[in-house]
């Protein structure tokens, strides 16, 4: 097999990253996952001779389980690894363990003890298939869904209504002025061709992250478990999915500094 060139690598990545995976994702435990069966099927359509292998499952008493996969396509090989995690993105170990989390009760943030169940072969199998999907993303397939991948998903919000046109929003004029306006109105322009692939509504705004909300509970738990990211990186990550007030930013800073 010929050695892959940078042009070959870029061509494969561009081809795979252009595939829309939005209608193939699954919602589980308030997180978003791409179906491994669909991902592998689509990948094989583009690269029929692609192969993957399962690496060893590592275990550490302090850190928990780590699974590994490797994918080879068109002479390009990418390895990937993923911890075995529960629905709250906490690493799973052989036996259950507890950790200190946060919840809002009576408008106050209080510490509580939370439990992570011991991992089973089912949990390891799920992690392996998710690792494979992440491995495929290294080649471009669905890579955009991994932006801010560790952050809890946004709770469903009411759809954003498209803004009214400037003409419809203009204040009503008097009867006399209507006739004057009508005589001076410019002739209607020929409608521009419609691009069926372009969005027809305004871009929805990110939901506001409110202290004490269900979204805040999930995000604060994530922040408490990932203090090593620091303030700036954490703000950048959370801002991808939420609009943050100065009050919320201050609370995030407190969580990181605790």
C-alpha atoms as a PDB file:
ATOM      1  CA  UNK A   1       0.000   0.000   0.000  1.00  0.00           C
ATOM      2  CA  UNK A   2       1.293   3.450  -0.928  1.00  0.00           C
ATOM      3  CA  UNK A   3       2.326   5.744   1.875  1.00  0.00           C
ATOM      4  CA  UNK A   4      -0.465   8.265   2.538  1.00  0.00           C
ATOM      5  CA  UNK A   5       0.273  11.827   1.515  1.00  0.00           C
ATOM      6  CA  UNK A   6      -0.893  14.994   3.240  1.00  0.00           C
ATOM      7  CA  UNK A   7      -3.217  15.536   0.266  1.00  0.00           C
ATOM      8  CA  UNK A   8      -4.772  12.078   0.756  1.00  0.00           C
ATOM      9  CA  UNK A   9      -5.180  12.675   4.478  1.00  0.00           C
ATOM     10  CA  UNK A  10      -6.813  16.066   3.949  1.00  0.00           C
ATOM     11  CA  UNK A  11      -9.098  14.713   1.220  1.00  0.00           C
ATOM     12  CA  UNK A  12     -10.383  11.924   3.478  1.00  0.00           C
ATOM     13  CA  UNK A  13     -10.869  14.268   6.418  1.00  0.00           C
ATOM     14  CA  UNK A  14     -12.715  16.815   4.266  1.00  0.00           C
ATOM     15  CA  UNK A  15     -14.984  14.112   2.848  1.00  0.00           C
ATOM     16  CA  UNK A  16     -15.881  12.623   6.227  1.00  0.00           C
ATOM     17  CA  UNK A  17     -16.222  15.884   8.136  1.00  0.00           C
ATOM     18  CA  UNK A  18     -18.744  17.126   5.556  1.00  0.00           C
ATOM     19  CA  UNK A  19     -21.215  14.370   6.496  1.00  0.00           C
ATOM     20  CA  UNK A  20     -24.145  15.681   8.550  1.00  0.00           C
ATOM     21  CA  UNK A  21     -24.671  13.484  11.617  1.00  0.00           C
ATOM     22  CA  UNK A  22     -27.244  15.619  13.437  1.00  0.00           C
ATOM     23  CA  UNK A  23     -30.172  13.264  12.884  1.00  0.00           C
ATOM     24  CA  UNK A  24     -28.156  10.228  13.977  1.00  0.00           C
ATOM     25  CA  UNK A  25     -27.229  11.273  17.505  1.00  0.00           C
ATOM     26  CA  UNK A  26     -28.843   9.731  20.571  1.00  0.00           C
ATOM     27  CA  UNK A  27     -29.735  11.378  23.884  1.00  0.00           C
ATOM     28  CA  UNK A  28     -28.864   9.296  26.931  1.00  0.00           C
ATOM     29  CA  UNK A  29     -28.379  10.430  30.513  1.00  0.00           C
ATOM     30  CA  UNK A  30     -28.634  14.042  29.318  1.00  0.00           C
ATOM     31  CA  UNK A  31     -25.583  13.565  27.092  1.00  0.00           C
ATOM     32  CA  UNK A  32     -25.309  13.260  23.313  1.00  0.00           C
ATOM     33  CA  UNK A  33     -23.853  10.225  21.562  1.00  0.00           C
ATOM     34  CA  UNK A  34     -23.482   9.234  17.932  1.00  0.00           C
ATOM     35  CA  UNK A  35     -24.709   5.724  17.117  1.00  0.00           C
ATOM     36  CA  UNK A  36     -21.659   3.515  16.640  1.00  0.00           C
ATOM     37  CA  UNK A  37     -23.484   1.235  14.181  1.00  0.00           C
ATOM     38  CA  UNK A  38     -24.417   4.144  11.931  1.00  0.00           C
ATOM     39  CA  UNK A  39     -20.988   5.755  12.264  1.00  0.00           C
ATOM     40  CA  UNK A  40     -19.140   2.601  11.267  1.00  0.00           C
ATOM     41  CA  UNK A  41     -21.543   1.951   8.372  1.00  0.00           C
ATOM     42  CA  UNK A  42     -21.048   5.456   6.965  1.00  0.00           C
ATOM     43  CA  UNK A  43     -17.296   5.231   7.472  1.00  0.00           C
ATOM     44  CA  UNK A  44     -17.116   1.940   5.533  1.00  0.00           C
ATOM     45  CA  UNK A  45     -19.105   3.460   2.670  1.00  0.00           C
ATOM     46  CA  UNK A  46     -16.343   6.021   2.234  1.00  0.00           C
ATOM     47  CA  UNK A  47     -13.435   3.681   3.056  1.00  0.00           C
ATOM     48  CA  UNK A  48     -14.541   0.081   2.327  1.00  0.00           C
ATOM     49  CA  UNK A  49     -11.208  -1.428   3.400  1.00  0.00           C
ATOM     50  CA  UNK A  50     -11.106   0.383   6.767  1.00  0.00           C
ATOM     51  CA  UNK A  51     -10.332  -1.769   9.811  1.00  0.00           C
ATOM     52  CA  UNK A  52     -10.379  -1.288  13.557  1.00  0.00           C
ATOM     53  CA  UNK A  53      -8.921  -3.145  16.522  1.00  0.00           C
ATOM     54  CA  UNK A  54      -9.646  -3.222  20.244  1.00  0.00           C
ATOM     55  CA  UNK A  55      -6.708  -2.554  22.529  1.00  0.00           C
ATOM     56  CA  UNK A  56      -6.200  -3.671  26.131  1.00  0.00           C
ATOM     57  CA  UNK A  57      -8.519  -2.402  28.868  1.00  0.00           C
ATOM     58  CA  UNK A  58      -6.296  -0.775  31.473  1.00  0.00           C
ATOM     59  CA  UNK A  59      -7.197  -0.427  35.131  1.00  0.00           C
ATOM     60  CA  UNK A  60      -5.816   1.664  37.973  1.00  0.00           C
ATOM     61  CA  UNK A  61      -7.182   1.548  41.525  1.00  0.00           C
ATOM     62  CA  UNK A  62      -7.073   5.342  41.776  1.00  0.00           C
ATOM     63  CA  UNK A  63      -8.053   6.323  38.239  1.00  0.00           C
ATOM     64  CA  UNK A  64     -10.406   3.559  37.091  1.00  0.00           C
ATOM     65  CA  UNK A  65     -10.760   1.870  33.686  1.00  0.00           C
ATOM     66  CA  UNK A  66      -9.405   3.064  30.322  1.00  0.00           C
ATOM     67  CA  UNK A  67     -10.284   1.435  26.984  1.00  0.00           C
ATOM     68  CA  UNK A  68      -8.432   1.726  23.657  1.00  0.00           C
ATOM     69  CA  UNK A  69      -9.252   1.361  19.961  1.00  0.00           C
ATOM     70  CA  UNK A  70      -7.289   1.852  16.737  1.00  0.00           C
ATOM     71  CA  UNK A  71      -8.664   2.596  13.265  1.00  0.00           C
ATOM     72  CA  UNK A  72      -6.789   2.315   9.968  1.00  0.00           C
ATOM     73  CA  UNK A  73      -8.124   3.819   6.726  1.00  0.00           C
ATOM     74  CA  UNK A  74      -6.295   4.501   3.441  1.00  0.00           C
ATOM     75  CA  UNK A  75      -3.000   3.757   5.110  1.00  0.00           C
ATOM     76  CA  UNK A  76      -3.672   6.224   7.926  1.00  0.00           C
ATOM     77  CA  UNK A  77      -3.816   4.907  11.501  1.00  0.00           C
ATOM     78  CA  UNK A  78      -5.241   6.782  14.492  1.00  0.00           C
ATOM     79  CA  UNK A  79      -5.392   5.386  18.052  1.00  0.00           C
ATOM     80  CA  UNK A  80      -7.943   6.550  20.631  1.00  0.00           C
ATOM     81  CA  UNK A  81      -8.642   6.006  24.318  1.00  0.00           C
ATOM     82  CA  UNK A  82     -11.593   6.698  26.594  1.00  0.00           C
ATOM     83  CA  UNK A  83     -12.269   6.242  30.322  1.00  0.00           C
ATOM     84  CA  UNK A  84     -15.200   4.090  31.376  1.00  0.00           C
ATOM     85  CA  UNK A  85     -17.657   6.659  32.783  1.00  0.00           C
ATOM     86  CA  UNK A  86     -21.118   6.802  34.295  1.00  0.00           C
ATOM     87  CA  UNK A  87     -23.910   9.160  33.230  1.00  0.00           C
ATOM     88  CA  UNK A  88     -22.334  12.034  35.175  1.00  0.00           C
ATOM     89  CA  UNK A  89     -18.996  11.560  33.362  1.00  0.00           C
ATOM     90  CA  UNK A  90     -17.355  10.171  36.499  1.00  0.00           C
ATOM     91  CA  UNK A  91     -14.697   7.487  36.059  1.00  0.00           C
ATOM     92  CA  UNK A  92     -15.891   4.038  37.084  1.00  0.00           C
ATOM     93  CA  UNK A  93     -13.819   1.596  39.123  1.00  0.00           C
ATOM     94  CA  UNK A  94     -14.159  -2.051  40.164  1.00  0.00           C
ATOM     95  CA  UNK A  95     -16.079  -1.114  43.288  1.00  0.00           C
ATOM     96  CA  UNK A  96     -18.529   1.723  44.040  1.00  0.00           C
ATOM     97  CA  UNK A  97     -17.079   4.896  45.549  1.00  0.00           C
ATOM     98  CA  UNK A  98     -18.384   8.230  46.792  1.00  0.00           C
ATOM     99  CA  UNK A  99     -17.356  11.799  46.076  1.00  0.00           C
ATOM    100  CA  UNK A 100     -18.458  15.252  47.156  1.00  0.00           C
ATOM    101  CA  UNK A 101     -20.785  17.044  44.777  1.00  0.00           C
ATOM    102  CA  UNK A 102     -22.956  20.149  44.864  1.00  0.00           C
ATOM    103  CA  UNK A 103     -26.681  20.774  44.721  1.00  0.00           C
ATOM    104  CA  UNK A 104     -28.905  23.795  45.156  1.00  0.00           C
ATOM    105  CA  UNK A 105     -31.358  23.549  48.048  1.00  0.00           C
ATOM    106  CA  UNK A 106     -33.496  26.460  49.198  1.00  0.00           C
ATOM    107  CA  UNK A 107     -31.496  28.806  46.952  1.00  0.00           C
ATOM    108  CA  UNK A 108     -28.234  27.753  48.600  1.00  0.00           C
ATOM    109  CA  UNK A 109     -25.418  25.635  47.195  1.00  0.00           C
ATOM    110  CA  UNK A 110     -24.687  22.743  49.532  1.00  0.00           C
ATOM    111  CA  UNK A 111     -22.248  19.841  49.459  1.00  0.00           C
ATOM    112  CA  UNK A 112     -23.655  16.330  49.158  1.00  0.00           C
ATOM    113  CA  UNK A 113     -22.198  12.843  48.893  1.00  0.00           C
ATOM    114  CA  UNK A 114     -22.700  11.134  45.538  1.00  0.00           C
ATOM    115  CA  UNK A 115     -21.990   7.543  44.544  1.00  0.00           C
ATOM    116  CA  UNK A 116     -20.422   6.083  41.404  1.00  0.00           C
ATOM    117  CA  UNK A 117     -21.396   2.445  40.805  1.00  0.00           C
ATOM    118  CA  UNK A 118     -18.798  -0.218  40.144  1.00  0.00           C
ATOM    119  CA  UNK A 119     -18.160  -0.907  36.448  1.00  0.00           C
ATOM    120  CA  UNK A 120     -19.552  -4.004  34.754  1.00  0.00           C
ATOM    121  CA  UNK A 121     -18.644  -5.658  31.461  1.00  0.00           C
ATOM    122  CA  UNK A 122     -21.654  -3.855  29.978  1.00  0.00           C
ATOM    123  CA  UNK A 123     -20.155  -0.473  30.969  1.00  0.00           C
ATOM    124  CA  UNK A 124     -16.801  -1.460  29.462  1.00  0.00           C
ATOM    125  CA  UNK A 125     -18.474  -2.589  26.236  1.00  0.00           C
ATOM    126  CA  UNK A 126     -20.348   0.735  25.935  1.00  0.00           C
ATOM    127  CA  UNK A 127     -17.116   2.645  26.513  1.00  0.00           C
ATOM    128  CA  UNK A 128     -15.355   0.639  23.786  1.00  0.00           C
ATOM    129  CA  UNK A 129     -18.008   1.446  21.187  1.00  0.00           C
ATOM    130  CA  UNK A 130     -18.024   5.114  22.191  1.00  0.00           C
ATOM    131  CA  UNK A 131     -14.246   5.062  21.925  1.00  0.00           C
ATOM    132  CA  UNK A 132     -14.575   3.657  18.402  1.00  0.00           C
ATOM    133  CA  UNK A 133     -16.919   6.492  17.417  1.00  0.00           C
ATOM    134  CA  UNK A 134     -14.466   9.013  18.845  1.00  0.00           C
ATOM    135  CA  UNK A 135     -11.717   7.227  16.919  1.00  0.00           C
ATOM    136  CA  UNK A 136     -13.682   7.706  13.695  1.00  0.00           C
ATOM    137  CA  UNK A 137     -14.061  11.404  14.538  1.00  0.00           C
ATOM    138  CA  UNK A 138     -10.277  11.715  14.323  1.00  0.00           C
ATOM    139  CA  UNK A 139     -10.725  10.992  10.625  1.00  0.00           C
ATOM    140  CA  UNK A 140     -13.438  13.676  10.417  1.00  0.00           C
ATOM    141  CA  UNK A 141     -16.758  11.827  10.820  1.00  0.00           C
ATOM    142  CA  UNK A 142     -18.896  13.775  13.315  1.00  0.00           C
ATOM    143  CA  UNK A 143     -15.902  15.573  14.772  1.00  0.00           C
ATOM    144  CA  UNK A 144     -17.894  18.778  15.232  1.00  0.00           C
ATOM    145  CA  UNK A 145     -20.152  17.188  17.865  1.00  0.00           C
ATOM    146  CA  UNK A 146     -17.156  16.805  20.162  1.00  0.00           C
ATOM    147  CA  UNK A 147     -16.735  20.547  20.741  1.00  0.00           C
ATOM    148  CA  UNK A 148     -17.121  20.930  24.494  1.00  0.00           C
ATOM    149  CA  UNK A 149     -17.727  17.191  24.626  1.00  0.00           C
ATOM    150  CA  UNK A 150     -17.408  16.882  28.402  1.00  0.00           C
ATOM    151  CA  UNK A 151     -19.984  19.557  29.179  1.00  0.00           C
ATOM    152  CA  UNK A 152     -23.511  18.494  30.136  1.00  0.00           C
ATOM    153  CA  UNK A 153     -26.027  18.965  27.373  1.00  0.00           C
ATOM    154  CA  UNK A 154     -28.350  21.958  27.342  1.00  0.00           C
ATOM    155  CA  UNK A 155     -31.871  21.223  28.562  1.00  0.00           C
ATOM    156  CA  UNK A 156     -34.527  21.673  25.824  1.00  0.00           C
ATOM    157  CA  UNK A 157     -35.522  25.296  25.340  1.00  0.00           C
ATOM    158  CA  UNK A 158     -38.513  26.904  23.652  1.00  0.00           C
ATOM    159  CA  UNK A 159     -37.861  27.444  19.926  1.00  0.00           C
ATOM    160  CA  UNK A 160     -36.622  30.889  18.951  1.00  0.00           C
ATOM    161  CA  UNK A 161     -39.135  32.793  16.823  1.00  0.00           C
ATOM    162  CA  UNK A 162     -37.697  34.494  13.777  1.00  0.00           C
ATOM    163  CA  UNK A 163     -37.643  38.271  14.021  1.00  0.00           C
ATOM    164  CA  UNK A 164     -40.371  40.122  12.139  1.00  0.00           C
ATOM    165  CA  UNK A 165     -39.365  41.953   8.976  1.00  0.00           C
ATOM    166  CA  UNK A 166     -38.555  45.701   9.319  1.00  0.00           C
ATOM    167  CA  UNK A 167     -41.600  46.564   7.219  1.00  0.00           C
ATOM    168  CA  UNK A 168     -44.025  44.656   9.414  1.00  0.00           C
ATOM    169  CA  UNK A 169     -42.458  46.099  12.552  1.00  0.00           C
ATOM    170  CA  UNK A 170     -42.693  49.708  11.381  1.00  0.00           C
ATOM    171  CA  UNK A 171     -45.213  51.941  13.238  1.00  0.00           C
ATOM    172  CA  UNK A 172     -48.539  52.490  11.517  1.00  0.00           C
ATOM    173  CA  UNK A 173     -48.896  55.752   9.608  1.00  0.00           C
ATOM    174  CA  UNK A 174     -51.882  58.021   9.189  1.00  0.00           C
ATOM    175  CA  UNK A 175     -54.316  57.672   6.277  1.00  0.00           C
ATOM    176  CA  UNK A 176     -52.863  60.643   4.412  1.00  0.00           C
ATOM    177  CA  UNK A 177     -49.314  59.534   4.776  1.00  0.00           C
ATOM    178  CA  UNK A 178     -50.163  56.012   3.533  1.00  0.00           C
ATOM    179  CA  UNK A 179     -51.162  57.422   0.127  1.00  0.00           C
ATOM    180  CA  UNK A 180     -47.987  59.481  -0.020  1.00  0.00           C
ATOM    181  CA  UNK A 181     -45.836  56.517   0.891  1.00  0.00           C
ATOM    182  CA  UNK A 182     -47.557  54.338  -1.686  1.00  0.00           C
ATOM    183  CA  UNK A 183     -46.869  56.803  -4.532  1.00  0.00           C
ATOM    184  CA  UNK A 184     -43.163  56.949  -3.657  1.00  0.00           C
ATOM    185  CA  UNK A 185     -42.613  53.266  -2.966  1.00  0.00           C
ATOM    186  CA  UNK A 186     -39.816  51.728  -4.988  1.00  0.00           C
ATOM    187  CA  UNK A 187     -40.793  48.977  -7.423  1.00  0.00           C
ATOM    188  CA  UNK A 188     -40.468  45.493  -5.993  1.00  0.00           C
ATOM    189  CA  UNK A 189     -37.195  43.814  -6.799  1.00  0.00           C
ATOM    190  CA  UNK A 190     -37.070  40.462  -8.499  1.00  0.00           C
ATOM    191  CA  UNK A 191     -36.891  37.785  -5.798  1.00  0.00           C
ATOM    192  CA  UNK A 192     -33.475  36.254  -5.399  1.00  0.00           C
ATOM    193  CA  UNK A 193     -33.153  32.512  -6.044  1.00  0.00           C
ATOM    194  CA  UNK A 194     -33.919  30.483  -2.964  1.00  0.00           C
ATOM    195  CA  UNK A 195     -31.077  28.420  -1.547  1.00  0.00           C
ATOM    196  CA  UNK A 196     -32.872  25.416  -0.125  1.00  0.00           C
ATOM    197  CA  UNK A 197     -29.866  24.446   1.978  1.00  0.00           C
ATOM    198  CA  UNK A 198     -29.577  27.797   3.727  1.00  0.00           C
ATOM    199  CA  UNK A 199     -31.255  28.305   7.114  1.00  0.00           C
ATOM    200  CA  UNK A 200     -34.576  30.140   6.925  1.00  0.00           C
ATOM    201  CA  UNK A 201     -34.745  31.287  10.546  1.00  0.00           C
ATOM    202  CA  UNK A 202     -32.536  33.426  12.716  1.00  0.00           C
ATOM    203  CA  UNK A 203     -29.712  31.680  14.517  1.00  0.00           C
ATOM    204  CA  UNK A 204     -31.025  30.634  17.949  1.00  0.00           C
ATOM    205  CA  UNK A 205     -29.343  32.213  20.922  1.00  0.00           C
ATOM    206  CA  UNK A 206     -27.710  30.097  23.569  1.00  0.00           C
ATOM    207  CA  UNK A 207     -29.832  29.558  26.694  1.00  0.00           C
ATOM    208  CA  UNK A 208     -28.920  31.512  29.805  1.00  0.00           C
ATOM    209  CA  UNK A 209     -27.279  29.509  32.575  1.00  0.00           C
ATOM    210  CA  UNK A 210     -29.168  30.390  35.770  1.00  0.00           C
ATOM    211  CA  UNK A 211     -27.884  29.662  39.263  1.00  0.00           C
ATOM    212  CA  UNK A 212     -29.961  27.002  40.970  1.00  0.00           C
ATOM    213  CA  UNK A 213     -31.322  25.563  37.708  1.00  0.00           C
ATOM    214  CA  UNK A 214     -31.032  21.948  36.635  1.00  0.00           C
ATOM    215  CA  UNK A 215     -28.483  22.961  33.997  1.00  0.00           C
ATOM    216  CA  UNK A 216     -26.408  24.722  36.653  1.00  0.00           C
ATOM    217  CA  UNK A 217     -26.405  21.605  38.843  1.00  0.00           C
ATOM    218  CA  UNK A 218     -24.939  19.554  36.007  1.00  0.00           C
ATOM    219  CA  UNK A 219     -22.430  22.192  34.933  1.00  0.00           C
ATOM    220  CA  UNK A 220     -21.248  22.920  38.482  1.00  0.00           C
ATOM    221  CA  UNK A 221     -20.684  19.191  39.052  1.00  0.00           C
ATOM    222  CA  UNK A 222     -18.608  19.075  35.875  1.00  0.00           C
ATOM    223  CA  UNK A 223     -16.567  22.127  36.930  1.00  0.00           C
ATOM    224  CA  UNK A 224     -15.917  20.733  40.404  1.00  0.00           C
ATOM    225  CA  UNK A 225     -14.541  17.560  38.830  1.00  0.00           C
ATOM    226  CA  UNK A 226     -12.367  19.411  36.304  1.00  0.00           C
ATOM    227  CA  UNK A 227     -10.803  22.266  38.260  1.00  0.00           C
ATOM    228  CA  UNK A 228      -7.496  21.547  36.559  1.00  0.00           C
ATOM    229  CA  UNK A 229      -8.880  23.194  33.397  1.00  0.00           C
ATOM    230  CA  UNK A 230      -8.623  26.594  35.076  1.00  0.00           C
ATOM    231  CA  UNK A 231     -10.946  29.561  34.870  1.00  0.00           C
ATOM    232  CA  UNK A 232     -10.306  30.763  31.303  1.00  0.00           C
ATOM    233  CA  UNK A 233     -10.615  27.340  29.672  1.00  0.00           C
ATOM    234  CA  UNK A 234     -13.706  26.502  31.712  1.00  0.00           C
ATOM    235  CA  UNK A 235     -15.425  29.751  30.747  1.00  0.00           C
ATOM    236  CA  UNK A 236     -14.601  29.117  27.094  1.00  0.00           C
ATOM    237  CA  UNK A 237     -16.045  25.607  27.263  1.00  0.00           C
ATOM    238  CA  UNK A 238     -19.246  26.526  29.067  1.00  0.00           C
ATOM    239  CA  UNK A 239     -19.789  29.554  26.811  1.00  0.00           C
ATOM    240  CA  UNK A 240     -20.136  27.233  23.837  1.00  0.00           C
ATOM    241  CA  UNK A 241     -23.490  26.062  25.179  1.00  0.00           C
ATOM    242  CA  UNK A 242     -24.722  28.798  27.515  1.00  0.00           C
ATOM    243  CA  UNK A 243     -24.928  32.562  27.846  1.00  0.00           C
ATOM    244  CA  UNK A 244     -23.123  33.476  31.072  1.00  0.00           C
ATOM    245  CA  UNK A 245     -23.856  36.424  33.331  1.00  0.00           C
ATOM    246  CA  UNK A 246     -21.164  38.057  35.475  1.00  0.00           C
ATOM    247  CA  UNK A 247     -22.803  36.497  38.528  1.00  0.00           C
ATOM    248  CA  UNK A 248     -22.492  33.005  37.062  1.00  0.00           C
ATOM    249  CA  UNK A 249     -18.878  33.648  36.042  1.00  0.00           C
ATOM    250  CA  UNK A 250     -18.147  34.662  39.632  1.00  0.00           C
ATOM    251  CA  UNK A 251     -19.681  31.403  40.914  1.00  0.00           C
ATOM    252  CA  UNK A 252     -17.612  29.414  38.416  1.00  0.00           C
ATOM    253  CA  UNK A 253     -14.491  31.147  39.682  1.00  0.00           C
ATOM    254  CA  UNK A 254     -15.408  30.213  43.271  1.00  0.00           C
ATOM    255  CA  UNK A 255     -15.880  26.558  42.283  1.00  0.00           C
ATOM    256  CA  UNK A 256     -12.469  26.432  40.657  1.00  0.00           C
ATOM    257  CA  UNK A 257     -10.702  28.138  43.561  1.00  0.00           C
ATOM    258  CA  UNK A 258     -12.299  25.980  46.284  1.00  0.00           C
END
